[in-house]
N, C-alpha and C. Protein backbone atom coordinates (compact mmCIF):
# COMPACT_ATOMS: atom_id res chain seq x y z
N SER A 1 -13.70 4.44 -13.35
CA SER A 1 -14.79 3.87 -12.58
C SER A 1 -15.36 5.15 -11.70
N ASP A 2 -16.56 5.23 -11.27
CA ASP A 2 -17.29 6.19 -10.32
C ASP A 2 -17.01 5.77 -8.88
N ARG A 3 -16.29 4.58 -8.46
CA ARG A 3 -16.14 4.21 -7.18
C ARG A 3 -14.90 4.53 -6.72
N ALA A 4 -14.82 5.12 -5.32
CA ALA A 4 -13.52 5.53 -4.92
C ALA A 4 -13.22 4.58 -3.57
N LEU A 5 -12.11 4.52 -3.40
CA LEU A 5 -11.76 3.66 -2.20
C LEU A 5 -11.80 4.46 -0.96
N LEU A 6 -12.47 4.17 -0.13
CA LEU A 6 -12.84 5.31 1.18
C LEU A 6 -11.72 4.78 2.32
N ALA A 7 -11.71 3.35 2.53
CA ALA A 7 -10.79 2.96 3.68
C ALA A 7 -10.03 1.53 3.55
N ILE A 8 -8.77 1.38 3.95
CA ILE A 8 -8.03 0.37 3.71
C ILE A 8 -7.93 -0.04 5.43
N GLU A 9 -8.07 -1.19 6.00
CA GLU A 9 -8.00 -1.50 7.40
C GLU A 9 -7.41 -2.85 7.50
N ARG A 10 -6.42 -3.17 8.15
CA ARG A 10 -5.58 -4.25 8.37
C ARG A 10 -6.55 -5.15 9.31
N VAL A 11 -6.89 -6.30 8.86
CA VAL A 11 -7.55 -7.26 9.66
C VAL A 11 -6.68 -8.19 10.51
N SER A 12 -5.64 -8.67 9.76
CA SER A 12 -4.62 -9.49 10.19
C SER A 12 -3.35 -9.58 9.22
N ASN A 13 -2.41 -10.40 9.57
CA ASN A 13 -1.33 -10.51 8.74
C ASN A 13 -1.86 -10.97 7.32
N GLY A 14 -1.60 -10.17 6.38
CA GLY A 14 -2.10 -10.22 4.85
C GLY A 14 -3.37 -10.40 4.50
N ILE A 15 -4.18 -9.69 5.38
CA ILE A 15 -5.82 -9.59 5.15
C ILE A 15 -6.05 -8.16 5.70
N TRP A 16 -6.68 -7.62 4.51
CA TRP A 16 -7.28 -6.29 4.81
C TRP A 16 -8.75 -6.19 4.39
N LYS A 17 -9.53 -5.08 5.26
CA LYS A 17 -10.83 -4.77 4.71
C LYS A 17 -10.81 -3.73 3.85
N LEU A 18 -11.45 -3.49 2.65
CA LEU A 18 -11.41 -2.35 1.96
C LEU A 18 -12.88 -1.95 1.81
N LEU A 19 -13.34 -0.57 2.01
CA LEU A 19 -14.63 -0.06 1.77
C LEU A 19 -14.57 0.84 0.71
N ASN A 20 -15.70 0.86 -0.21
CA ASN A 20 -15.62 1.88 -1.17
C ASN A 20 -16.74 2.92 -0.96
N ASN A 21 -16.95 3.81 -1.96
CA ASN A 21 -18.14 4.76 -1.88
C ASN A 21 -19.46 4.30 -2.03
N GLY A 22 -19.46 3.02 -2.57
CA GLY A 22 -20.79 2.39 -3.16
C GLY A 22 -21.20 1.61 -2.01
N GLY A 23 -20.72 1.76 -0.79
CA GLY A 23 -21.24 0.91 0.16
C GLY A 23 -20.51 -0.43 0.42
N LYS A 24 -19.75 -0.98 -0.62
CA LYS A 24 -19.22 -2.16 -0.67
C LYS A 24 -18.09 -2.48 0.12
N GLU A 25 -18.09 -3.83 0.80
CA GLU A 25 -16.83 -4.09 1.51
C GLU A 25 -16.28 -5.33 0.63
N PHE A 26 -14.97 -5.16 0.81
CA PHE A 26 -13.91 -5.96 0.20
C PHE A 26 -13.09 -6.62 0.92
N ARG A 27 -12.50 -8.06 0.69
CA ARG A 27 -11.37 -8.47 1.38
C ARG A 27 -10.10 -8.23 0.58
N LEU A 28 -9.15 -7.90 0.88
CA LEU A 28 -7.83 -7.87 0.07
C LEU A 28 -6.91 -8.86 0.73
N TYR A 29 -6.32 -9.84 -0.16
CA TYR A 29 -5.18 -10.61 0.39
C TYR A 29 -4.09 -10.67 -0.31
N ALA A 30 -2.94 -10.69 0.55
CA ALA A 30 -1.67 -10.77 -0.02
C ALA A 30 -0.87 -12.10 0.73
N ILE A 31 -0.78 -13.00 -0.74
CA ILE A 31 -0.46 -14.30 -0.22
C ILE A 31 0.99 -14.51 -0.79
N ASN A 32 2.00 -15.17 0.00
CA ASN A 32 3.47 -15.20 -0.81
C ASN A 32 3.56 -16.57 -1.38
N ALA A 33 4.60 -16.56 -1.84
CA ALA A 33 4.90 -17.80 -2.68
C ALA A 33 4.84 -19.26 -2.15
N SER A 34 4.81 -19.36 -0.58
CA SER A 34 4.64 -20.57 0.10
C SER A 34 3.42 -20.71 0.55
N GLY A 35 2.46 -19.82 -0.21
CA GLY A 35 0.95 -19.87 0.23
C GLY A 35 0.42 -19.43 1.62
N ASP A 36 1.38 -18.72 2.28
CA ASP A 36 1.14 -18.04 3.57
C ASP A 36 0.61 -16.61 3.25
N PHE A 37 0.23 -16.04 4.28
CA PHE A 37 -0.32 -14.67 4.39
C PHE A 37 0.95 -13.98 4.63
N ALA A 38 0.91 -12.57 4.01
CA ALA A 38 1.95 -11.81 4.09
C ALA A 38 2.42 -11.67 5.41
N ASP A 39 3.41 -11.25 6.03
CA ASP A 39 3.73 -10.89 7.37
C ASP A 39 3.29 -9.35 7.59
N ASP A 40 3.64 -9.00 8.95
CA ASP A 40 3.05 -7.70 9.26
C ASP A 40 3.88 -6.49 8.90
N SER A 41 5.04 -6.88 8.36
CA SER A 41 5.90 -5.72 7.58
C SER A 41 5.15 -5.23 6.24
N PHE A 42 4.22 -5.98 5.96
CA PHE A 42 3.27 -5.50 4.47
C PHE A 42 2.28 -4.45 4.83
N ASP A 43 1.89 -3.46 4.36
CA ASP A 43 0.72 -2.73 4.55
C ASP A 43 0.52 -1.71 3.21
N PHE A 44 -0.62 -1.07 3.46
CA PHE A 44 -0.94 -0.40 2.13
C PHE A 44 -0.85 1.15 2.46
N HIS A 45 -0.64 1.85 1.58
CA HIS A 45 -0.84 3.31 1.75
C HIS A 45 -2.47 3.79 1.67
N PRO A 46 -2.84 4.88 2.09
CA PRO A 46 -4.56 5.22 2.11
C PRO A 46 -4.95 5.12 0.58
N ASN A 47 -4.09 5.22 -0.32
CA ASN A 47 -4.73 5.32 -1.81
C ASN A 47 -4.57 4.10 -2.49
N GLY A 48 -4.23 2.71 -1.70
CA GLY A 48 -4.42 1.72 -2.23
C GLY A 48 -3.25 1.09 -2.68
N THR A 49 -1.89 1.89 -2.72
CA THR A 49 -0.74 1.12 -3.10
C THR A 49 -0.05 0.38 -2.06
N MET A 50 0.46 -0.68 -2.17
CA MET A 50 1.40 -1.27 -1.30
C MET A 50 2.66 -0.68 -0.93
N ARG A 51 3.01 -0.51 0.46
CA ARG A 51 4.18 0.32 0.89
C ARG A 51 5.47 -0.09 0.53
N LYS A 52 5.64 -1.68 0.32
CA LYS A 52 6.84 -2.12 -0.17
C LYS A 52 6.76 -3.20 -1.22
N THR A 53 7.64 -3.58 -2.13
CA THR A 53 7.52 -4.49 -3.13
C THR A 53 7.08 -5.95 -2.35
N PHE A 54 6.04 -6.52 -3.10
CA PHE A 54 5.59 -8.08 -2.82
C PHE A 54 5.62 -8.85 -3.69
N GLU A 55 6.12 -10.20 -3.45
CA GLU A 55 5.96 -11.03 -4.45
C GLU A 55 5.24 -11.94 -3.94
N GLY A 56 4.16 -12.44 -4.86
CA GLY A 56 3.16 -13.31 -4.59
C GLY A 56 2.07 -13.07 -5.18
N TRP A 57 0.69 -13.46 -4.65
CA TRP A 57 -0.50 -13.19 -5.33
C TRP A 57 -1.35 -12.15 -4.22
N ILE A 58 -1.94 -11.07 -4.95
CA ILE A 58 -2.84 -10.24 -4.46
C ILE A 58 -4.01 -10.45 -5.01
N ARG A 59 -5.26 -10.84 -4.01
CA ARG A 59 -6.45 -11.35 -4.17
C ARG A 59 -7.51 -10.41 -3.72
N LEU A 60 -8.78 -10.45 -4.27
CA LEU A 60 -9.54 -9.35 -4.10
C LEU A 60 -10.85 -10.10 -4.02
N ALA A 61 -11.95 -10.04 -2.93
CA ALA A 61 -13.04 -10.70 -2.77
C ALA A 61 -14.15 -9.79 -2.26
N GLU A 62 -15.45 -9.75 -3.12
CA GLU A 62 -16.38 -8.93 -2.48
C GLU A 62 -16.80 -9.66 -1.19
N VAL A 63 -17.32 -9.04 0.00
CA VAL A 63 -17.99 -9.55 0.95
C VAL A 63 -19.69 -9.21 0.82
N GLN A 64 -20.23 -10.12 0.43
CA GLN A 64 -21.69 -9.85 0.16
C GLN A 64 -22.56 -9.96 1.42
N ALA A 65 -22.25 -10.88 2.47
CA ALA A 65 -23.02 -11.09 3.49
C ALA A 65 -21.93 -11.00 4.64
N PRO A 66 -22.40 -11.04 6.13
CA PRO A 66 -21.40 -10.86 7.16
C PRO A 66 -20.73 -12.22 7.28
N GLY A 67 -21.45 -13.30 7.05
CA GLY A 67 -20.92 -14.69 7.18
C GLY A 67 -19.72 -15.00 5.95
N ASP A 68 -19.68 -14.16 5.01
CA ASP A 68 -18.76 -14.62 4.01
C ASP A 68 -17.12 -14.41 4.42
N ARG A 69 -16.85 -13.43 5.38
CA ARG A 69 -15.70 -12.97 5.80
C ARG A 69 -14.83 -14.26 6.16
N GLN A 70 -15.51 -14.98 7.04
CA GLN A 70 -14.48 -16.30 7.62
C GLN A 70 -14.46 -17.26 6.45
N ILE A 71 -15.43 -17.38 5.54
CA ILE A 71 -15.11 -18.44 4.36
C ILE A 71 -14.11 -17.78 3.45
N LEU A 72 -14.31 -16.63 2.93
CA LEU A 72 -13.34 -15.94 2.09
C LEU A 72 -11.85 -16.11 2.82
N ASP A 73 -11.60 -15.58 4.02
CA ASP A 73 -10.53 -15.63 4.65
C ASP A 73 -9.82 -16.99 4.78
N PHE A 74 -10.78 -18.25 4.89
CA PHE A 74 -10.27 -19.51 5.05
C PHE A 74 -9.64 -19.98 3.69
N HIS A 75 -10.34 -19.77 2.40
CA HIS A 75 -10.03 -20.25 1.14
C HIS A 75 -9.07 -19.24 0.38
N ALA A 76 -8.62 -18.19 0.99
CA ALA A 76 -8.09 -17.16 0.07
C ALA A 76 -6.53 -17.73 -0.29
N PRO A 77 -5.90 -18.52 0.76
CA PRO A 77 -4.40 -19.04 0.22
C PRO A 77 -4.58 -20.24 -0.89
N ALA A 78 -5.75 -20.75 -1.28
CA ALA A 78 -5.95 -21.61 -2.41
C ALA A 78 -5.94 -20.72 -3.84
N VAL A 79 -4.67 -20.54 -4.34
CA VAL A 79 -4.76 -19.90 -5.61
C VAL A 79 -4.76 -20.49 -6.67
N LEU A 80 -5.65 -20.15 -7.64
CA LEU A 80 -5.91 -20.92 -9.02
C LEU A 80 -4.62 -20.26 -9.94
N VAL A 81 -3.98 -21.45 -10.35
CA VAL A 81 -2.89 -21.01 -11.35
C VAL A 81 -3.11 -21.54 -12.97
N ASP A 82 -4.09 -22.47 -13.00
CA ASP A 82 -4.19 -23.07 -14.28
C ASP A 82 -5.71 -23.51 -14.26
N TRP A 83 -6.17 -23.63 -15.61
CA TRP A 83 -7.49 -24.32 -15.82
C TRP A 83 -7.56 -24.67 -17.26
N GLN A 84 -8.36 -25.76 -17.29
CA GLN A 84 -8.64 -26.26 -18.72
C GLN A 84 -10.31 -26.60 -18.62
N LEU A 85 -10.65 -26.43 -20.08
CA LEU A 85 -12.06 -26.50 -20.32
C LEU A 85 -12.17 -27.77 -21.26
N GLU A 86 -13.00 -28.76 -20.75
CA GLU A 86 -13.18 -29.66 -21.95
C GLU A 86 -14.59 -29.70 -22.31
N VAL A 87 -14.93 -30.46 -23.52
CA VAL A 87 -16.11 -30.56 -23.79
C VAL A 87 -16.39 -31.86 -24.49
N GLU A 88 -17.12 -32.80 -23.87
CA GLU A 88 -17.26 -33.99 -24.26
C GLU A 88 -18.34 -34.18 -25.01
N SER A 89 -18.49 -35.23 -26.06
CA SER A 89 -19.46 -35.37 -26.82
C SER A 89 -20.88 -35.52 -26.16
N GLY A 90 -21.73 -35.10 -26.78
CA GLY A 90 -23.16 -34.91 -25.74
C GLY A 90 -23.18 -33.54 -25.24
N GLY A 91 -21.97 -32.71 -25.15
CA GLY A 91 -22.25 -31.39 -24.98
C GLY A 91 -21.76 -31.29 -23.08
N MET A 92 -21.42 -32.48 -22.68
CA MET A 92 -20.96 -32.36 -21.28
C MET A 92 -19.61 -31.33 -21.27
N VAL A 93 -19.67 -30.35 -20.16
CA VAL A 93 -18.66 -29.62 -19.94
C VAL A 93 -17.97 -29.77 -18.61
N LYS A 94 -16.74 -29.97 -18.61
CA LYS A 94 -15.87 -29.94 -17.68
C LYS A 94 -14.86 -28.97 -17.45
N TYR A 95 -14.65 -28.44 -16.14
CA TYR A 95 -13.49 -27.69 -15.91
C TYR A 95 -12.65 -28.30 -15.00
N ARG A 96 -11.29 -28.16 -15.41
CA ARG A 96 -10.31 -28.77 -14.45
C ARG A 96 -9.26 -27.57 -13.82
N PHE A 97 -9.35 -27.52 -12.67
CA PHE A 97 -8.71 -26.45 -12.07
C PHE A 97 -7.41 -26.83 -11.47
N ALA A 98 -6.39 -26.15 -11.42
CA ALA A 98 -4.99 -26.48 -10.81
C ALA A 98 -4.68 -25.48 -9.87
N LYS A 99 -4.33 -25.72 -8.38
CA LYS A 99 -4.06 -24.54 -7.76
C LYS A 99 -2.66 -24.64 -7.33
N HIS A 100 -2.16 -23.65 -6.63
CA HIS A 100 -0.81 -23.43 -6.14
C HIS A 100 -0.64 -24.73 -5.06
N ALA A 101 0.37 -25.87 -5.32
CA ALA A 101 0.64 -26.90 -4.70
C ALA A 101 0.59 -26.69 -3.20
N ALA A 102 1.46 -25.63 -2.86
CA ALA A 102 1.76 -25.41 -1.40
C ALA A 102 0.52 -25.33 -0.35
N VAL A 103 -0.49 -25.03 -0.84
CA VAL A 103 -1.64 -25.08 0.22
C VAL A 103 -2.75 -25.99 0.06
N PRO A 104 -3.11 -26.52 1.08
CA PRO A 104 -3.82 -27.99 0.94
C PRO A 104 -5.42 -27.63 1.52
N LYS A 105 -5.72 -26.36 0.64
CA LYS A 105 -7.25 -25.82 0.93
C LYS A 105 -7.89 -26.10 -0.42
N GLN A 106 -9.07 -26.19 -0.37
CA GLN A 106 -9.80 -26.20 -1.82
C GLN A 106 -10.01 -24.81 -2.26
N ILE A 107 -10.19 -24.80 -3.54
CA ILE A 107 -10.38 -23.38 -4.22
C ILE A 107 -11.98 -23.03 -4.08
N LEU A 108 -12.10 -21.89 -3.67
CA LEU A 108 -13.63 -21.44 -3.39
C LEU A 108 -13.97 -20.77 -4.91
N HIS A 109 -15.15 -21.41 -5.16
CA HIS A 109 -15.55 -20.84 -6.73
C HIS A 109 -16.91 -20.16 -6.51
N PHE A 110 -16.90 -19.07 -7.21
CA PHE A 110 -18.14 -18.26 -7.05
C PHE A 110 -19.01 -18.49 -8.15
N ALA A 111 -20.39 -18.48 -7.99
CA ALA A 111 -21.26 -19.20 -8.83
C ALA A 111 -22.46 -18.14 -8.81
N TYR A 112 -22.95 -17.41 -9.97
CA TYR A 112 -24.29 -16.79 -9.94
C TYR A 112 -25.30 -17.64 -9.84
N ALA A 113 -26.62 -17.15 -9.40
CA ALA A 113 -27.74 -17.99 -9.47
C ALA A 113 -28.02 -18.69 -10.64
N HIS A 114 -28.04 -18.26 -12.03
CA HIS A 114 -28.11 -18.95 -13.19
C HIS A 114 -26.99 -20.24 -13.19
N HIS A 115 -25.82 -20.01 -12.79
CA HIS A 115 -24.97 -21.13 -12.88
C HIS A 115 -25.22 -22.37 -11.82
N GLU A 116 -25.74 -21.93 -10.65
CA GLU A 116 -26.15 -22.94 -9.97
C GLU A 116 -27.23 -23.69 -10.20
N LYS A 117 -28.34 -23.04 -10.94
CA LYS A 117 -29.60 -23.85 -11.63
C LYS A 117 -29.10 -25.06 -12.55
N ILE A 118 -27.99 -24.54 -13.47
CA ILE A 118 -27.48 -25.51 -14.42
C ILE A 118 -26.74 -26.42 -13.85
N MET A 119 -26.09 -26.36 -12.69
CA MET A 119 -25.11 -27.41 -12.28
C MET A 119 -25.78 -28.33 -11.08
N THR A 120 -27.18 -28.01 -10.67
CA THR A 120 -28.04 -28.86 -9.94
C THR A 120 -27.96 -30.37 -10.42
N GLY A 121 -27.59 -31.20 -9.33
CA GLY A 121 -27.65 -32.60 -9.51
C GLY A 121 -26.28 -33.08 -10.27
N HIS A 122 -25.46 -31.97 -10.55
CA HIS A 122 -24.00 -32.64 -11.18
C HIS A 122 -22.76 -32.08 -10.28
N THR A 123 -21.74 -33.08 -10.07
CA THR A 123 -20.66 -32.56 -9.30
C THR A 123 -19.48 -32.20 -10.13
């Protein structure tokens, strides 16, 4: 890739802000098996590698607007662990998502504009 990591900055336990040379900001999350953010003993080297072994999930989310940070941080512990696709007669498509059971938060699902148009009026 032509993109390079310029900065990694700790926001709080288990949450980091990443900036690349394309002007993009990302949130990086380290979530342990209990569904909690990693404690303050975990951090990253400037090259993007973790300073010590971590068991759990590493998640990355692009921040597209300033208001995204709070929403992304809130939903980050809801880790998707399985999904099923069902197609009913008539063409109705259903996704069934399963998340890590330890976290009582909903999964945040990203949708492109063309996805939103086809989902209008459907839950």
